[in-house]
Amino acid sequence: MKRIFPWRTILASCSIALIISTVLLADQKRATVRVDGLSCPFCAFGLEKKLKAIAGVEKLEIKVNDGLAILNFADSAKIDEKLIAKKVKEAGFTPGEIKITSSKEKKMETNGQKISLNIKGMSCDRCVSRVTDALKKVDCVREVKVDLETGEATFVCTDANFDKTKFVQTINDLGFQAELENK
C-alpha cells in the first residue's frame, strides 16, 4: 500500500491562505464621485456604462438616492479625476466633488461619532430634504436621518477633529435654527 504524505495537503493549505491574505491586505483604491442629476435606475445604467469603460475599474456601485458613484480600482491602477469627470459629463450628468481614498486609509478612519442637532423651523418634507442634502455635502458626514416631527437630525461624523459648530452654521445658513444636542 502506497502512503500519501500530508505535506501536499499542508502545502496546498498554506498556498490558499497566502492567496487569501494577499487579497485581503491589498491596498484597493476608491473614487467616490458626487453626481448631480441622477434620478432613476435608467440614469444609473447609462452612467455605469461610461464609468466601467475606465481602465482599472474593478467594481462600480451607483447610489441613485445619494447621488454618488463609487469606483473601486485595482491597486496598480492610476486614478485620473479629470477622466472620471469627463465620463460623468459624457453620460449627461454634472460631476461634483471627487474623493480618492485607499482601503488602508478607510481602515484608519474611525467609525465616527454620532451627532444630533435640534432644528427649529422645518415645516415640510422639502425642509427635511434641504437639511439632509446640506449635511450630506459635508465630507465627514455619513448616515443622515432628519425627522420632521421631532425636529432632530442625526448623523455620523467620521472626523473626530471636525468643528461641530460648523454643522449648526450649515443648517442656520439654510434659514433654520439649529443647536447641538447634548447627550
Protein backbone atom coordinates (compact mmCIF):
# COMPACT_ATOMS: atom_id res chain seq x y z
CA MET A 1 0.00 0.00 0.00
CA LYS A 2 1.34 3.38 -1.02
CA ARG A 3 1.32 6.02 1.69
CA ILE A 4 0.45 9.66 0.82
CA PHE A 5 2.37 12.21 2.82
CA PRO A 6 0.35 15.00 4.39
CA TRP A 7 2.88 17.60 3.24
CA ARG A 8 0.94 18.05 -0.01
CA THR A 9 -2.20 18.93 1.91
CA ILE A 10 -0.25 21.24 4.20
CA LEU A 11 1.44 22.95 1.23
CA ALA A 12 -1.89 23.40 -0.57
CA SER A 13 -3.48 24.86 2.59
CA CYS A 14 -0.61 27.29 3.05
CA SER A 15 -0.84 28.40 -0.58
CA ILE A 16 -4.55 29.09 -0.28
CA ALA A 17 -4.02 31.00 2.97
CA LEU A 18 -1.30 33.11 1.32
CA ILE A 19 -3.53 33.97 -1.63
CA ILE A 20 -6.44 34.93 0.63
CA SER A 21 -4.27 37.10 2.88
CA THR A 22 -2.76 38.85 -0.14
CA VAL A 23 -6.22 39.69 -1.47
CA LEU A 24 -7.41 40.91 1.93
CA LEU A 25 -4.33 43.03 2.55
CA ALA A 26 -4.19 44.58 -0.92
CA ASP A 27 -4.48 48.34 -0.97
CA GLN A 28 -7.58 48.93 -3.04
CA LYS A 29 -8.16 52.45 -4.30
CA ARG A 30 -11.60 54.03 -4.32
CA ALA A 31 -13.02 57.11 -6.01
CA THR A 32 -16.31 58.49 -4.75
CA VAL A 33 -17.97 60.93 -7.15
CA ARG A 34 -20.92 63.16 -6.37
CA VAL A 35 -23.18 63.08 -9.45
CA ASP A 36 -25.90 65.69 -9.89
CA GLY A 37 -28.90 64.70 -11.96
CA LEU A 38 -29.26 61.01 -11.09
CA SER A 39 -32.92 60.18 -10.65
CA CYS A 40 -33.69 56.61 -11.70
CA PRO A 41 -32.20 53.17 -12.47
CA PHE A 42 -32.04 54.06 -16.17
CA CYS A 43 -29.83 57.06 -15.31
CA ALA A 44 -27.62 54.77 -13.24
CA PHE A 45 -27.33 52.29 -16.12
CA GLY A 46 -26.16 54.97 -18.55
CA LEU A 47 -23.62 56.29 -16.06
CA GLU A 48 -22.45 52.76 -15.27
CA LYS A 49 -21.65 52.06 -18.93
CA LYS A 50 -19.43 55.15 -19.15
CA LEU A 51 -17.62 54.64 -15.83
CA LYS A 52 -16.95 50.92 -16.37
CA ALA A 53 -15.03 51.86 -19.52
CA ILE A 54 -12.32 53.50 -17.38
CA ALA A 55 -9.20 51.34 -17.20
CA GLY A 56 -8.64 49.70 -13.82
CA VAL A 57 -12.23 49.85 -12.54
CA GLU A 58 -12.86 46.53 -10.81
CA LYS A 59 -16.16 47.27 -9.11
CA LEU A 60 -18.71 50.05 -9.51
CA GLU A 61 -21.60 51.00 -7.25
CA ILE A 62 -24.07 53.74 -8.08
CA LYS A 63 -26.27 55.09 -5.31
CA VAL A 64 -29.08 56.92 -7.08
CA ASN A 65 -30.73 58.25 -3.91
CA ASP A 66 -27.44 59.65 -2.59
CA GLY A 67 -26.22 60.97 -5.95
CA LEU A 68 -22.97 59.01 -5.69
CA ALA A 69 -20.88 56.76 -7.88
CA ILE A 70 -18.27 54.64 -6.08
CA LEU A 71 -15.50 53.21 -8.23
CA ASN A 72 -13.12 50.59 -6.84
CA PHE A 73 -9.84 50.38 -8.74
CA ALA A 74 -7.18 47.71 -8.92
CA ASP A 75 -4.26 48.51 -6.62
CA SER A 76 -1.97 49.11 -9.62
CA ALA A 77 -4.41 51.40 -11.46
CA LYS A 78 -3.84 55.12 -11.83
CA ILE A 79 -6.88 57.20 -10.93
CA ASP A 80 -7.47 60.16 -13.23
CA GLU A 81 -10.01 62.55 -11.70
CA LYS A 82 -10.34 64.53 -14.95
CA LEU A 83 -11.20 61.34 -16.85
CA ILE A 84 -13.82 60.39 -14.26
CA ALA A 85 -15.41 63.86 -14.52
CA LYS A 86 -15.31 63.62 -18.32
CA LYS A 87 -17.09 60.24 -18.29
CA VAL A 88 -19.78 61.59 -15.94
CA LYS A 89 -20.35 64.53 -18.34
CA GLU A 90 -20.46 62.15 -21.33
CA ALA A 91 -23.24 60.25 -19.56
CA GLY A 92 -25.22 63.51 -19.32
CA PHE A 93 -24.69 64.37 -15.67
CA THR A 94 -22.84 67.03 -13.70
CA PRO A 95 -19.83 65.77 -11.76
CA GLY A 96 -19.35 67.15 -8.28
CA GLU A 97 -16.63 66.50 -5.72
CA ILE A 98 -14.38 63.52 -6.40
CA LYS A 99 -12.83 61.98 -3.30
CA ILE A 100 -9.99 59.45 -3.63
CA THR A 101 -9.28 57.05 -0.76
CA SER A 102 -7.47 53.78 -0.29
CA SER A 103 -8.60 50.79 1.74
CA LYS A 104 -5.72 51.44 4.14
CA GLU A 105 -6.98 54.99 4.75
CA LYS A 106 -10.52 53.69 5.19
CA LYS A 107 -9.38 51.24 7.86
CA MET A 108 -7.61 54.04 9.69
CA GLU A 109 -10.79 56.14 9.73
CA THR A 110 -12.70 55.86 12.95
CA ASN A 111 -16.23 54.55 12.87
CA GLY A 112 -17.31 58.05 13.74
CA GLN A 113 -19.18 59.95 16.36
CA LYS A 114 -22.96 60.15 16.38
CA ILE A 115 -24.12 63.77 16.32
CA SER A 116 -27.62 65.09 16.96
CA LEU A 117 -28.94 68.53 16.09
CA ASN A 118 -32.20 70.08 17.28
CA ILE A 119 -33.64 72.08 14.40
CA LYS A 120 -36.44 74.64 14.61
CA GLY A 121 -38.31 75.99 11.62
CA MET A 122 -38.78 72.86 9.49
CA SER A 123 -42.38 72.62 8.29
CA CYS A 124 -42.49 70.14 5.39
CA ASP A 125 -40.71 67.33 3.56
CA ARG A 126 -38.90 69.87 1.37
CA CYS A 127 -37.33 71.35 4.52
CA VAL A 128 -36.21 67.86 5.56
CA SER A 129 -34.73 67.32 2.10
CA ARG A 130 -32.82 70.62 2.19
CA VAL A 131 -31.35 69.84 5.63
CA THR A 132 -30.44 66.28 4.59
CA ASP A 133 -28.75 67.45 1.38
CA ALA A 134 -26.80 70.18 3.20
CA LEU A 135 -25.47 67.73 5.80
CA LYS A 136 -24.55 65.12 3.17
CA LYS A 137 -22.35 67.69 1.43
CA VAL A 138 -20.07 67.87 4.49
CA ASP A 139 -17.17 65.45 3.80
CA CYS A 140 -17.15 63.69 7.15
CA VAL A 141 -20.93 63.16 7.38
CA ARG A 142 -22.48 59.71 6.92
CA GLU A 143 -25.86 58.12 7.69
CA VAL A 144 -28.00 61.27 7.80
CA LYS A 145 -31.53 60.98 9.23
CA VAL A 146 -33.76 64.01 9.65
CA ASP A 147 -37.09 63.71 11.49
CA LEU A 148 -39.67 66.40 10.78
CA GLU A 149 -41.87 65.52 13.77
CA THR A 150 -39.14 65.71 16.41
CA GLY A 151 -37.11 68.41 14.64
CA GLU A 152 -33.97 66.31 15.04
CA ALA A 153 -31.17 65.49 12.64
CA THR A 154 -28.84 62.61 13.50
CA PHE A 155 -25.74 61.58 11.58
CA VAL A 156 -22.26 60.17 11.98
CA CYS A 157 -19.15 62.36 11.72
CA THR A 158 -16.04 60.36 10.81
CA ASP A 159 -13.61 63.21 11.57
CA ALA A 160 -13.01 63.47 15.32
CA ASN A 161 -11.29 66.86 14.84
CA PHE A 162 -14.09 68.46 12.81
CA ASP A 163 -15.50 71.65 14.35
CA LYS A 164 -19.05 70.60 15.33
CA THR A 165 -20.28 74.21 15.31
CA LYS A 166 -19.95 74.13 11.51
CA PHE A 167 -22.89 71.72 11.40
CA VAL A 168 -25.01 74.28 13.24
CA GLN A 169 -23.84 77.03 10.89
CA THR A 170 -24.61 74.89 7.83
CA ILE A 171 -28.23 74.47 8.95
CA ASN A 172 -28.58 78.08 10.11
CA ASP A 173 -27.40 79.23 6.67
CA LEU A 174 -30.49 77.47 5.25
CA GLY A 175 -32.75 79.68 7.40
CA PHE A 176 -33.43 77.28 10.25
CA GLN A 177 -32.32 77.47 13.89
CA ALA A 178 -30.06 74.56 14.86
CA GLU A 179 -28.23 73.66 18.02
CA LEU A 180 -26.11 70.71 19.04
CA GLU A 181 -27.95 68.28 21.28
CA ASN A 182 -26.10 67.44 24.47
CA LYS A 183 -26.38 63.73 25.20
